[in-house]
């Protein structure tokens, strides 16, 4: 169950990043709600995951999911570059997260 919490924490980190992007562009109350709510849920789930998983692995996977999620969101929703080098480095992050899962 800890890995489910950790994956959800990473996905809610992406929600927080969406809110952060909205705050930068619009500064509406709903944008702040998405930002704060996303990170509160994310940190809560990360804390739940860390009750079972080692801190180093939990934090590395959480940041990896957030990094990959934020980058993919930028590419496919906000029209950021889809350069092959970016995709290659994202693949390396995914491989590292899978490797951490397989070795823990």
Foldseek 3Di string as FASTA:
>chain_A
DLVVLLLQLLVLLLQLVQLVVCCVPPVDPVSVCSNVVSNVSSVVSLVVSVVPDPPVLSVLLSVLSNVLSNVVCCVPPVPDDPDVVVVVVNVVSVVVNVVSVVVD
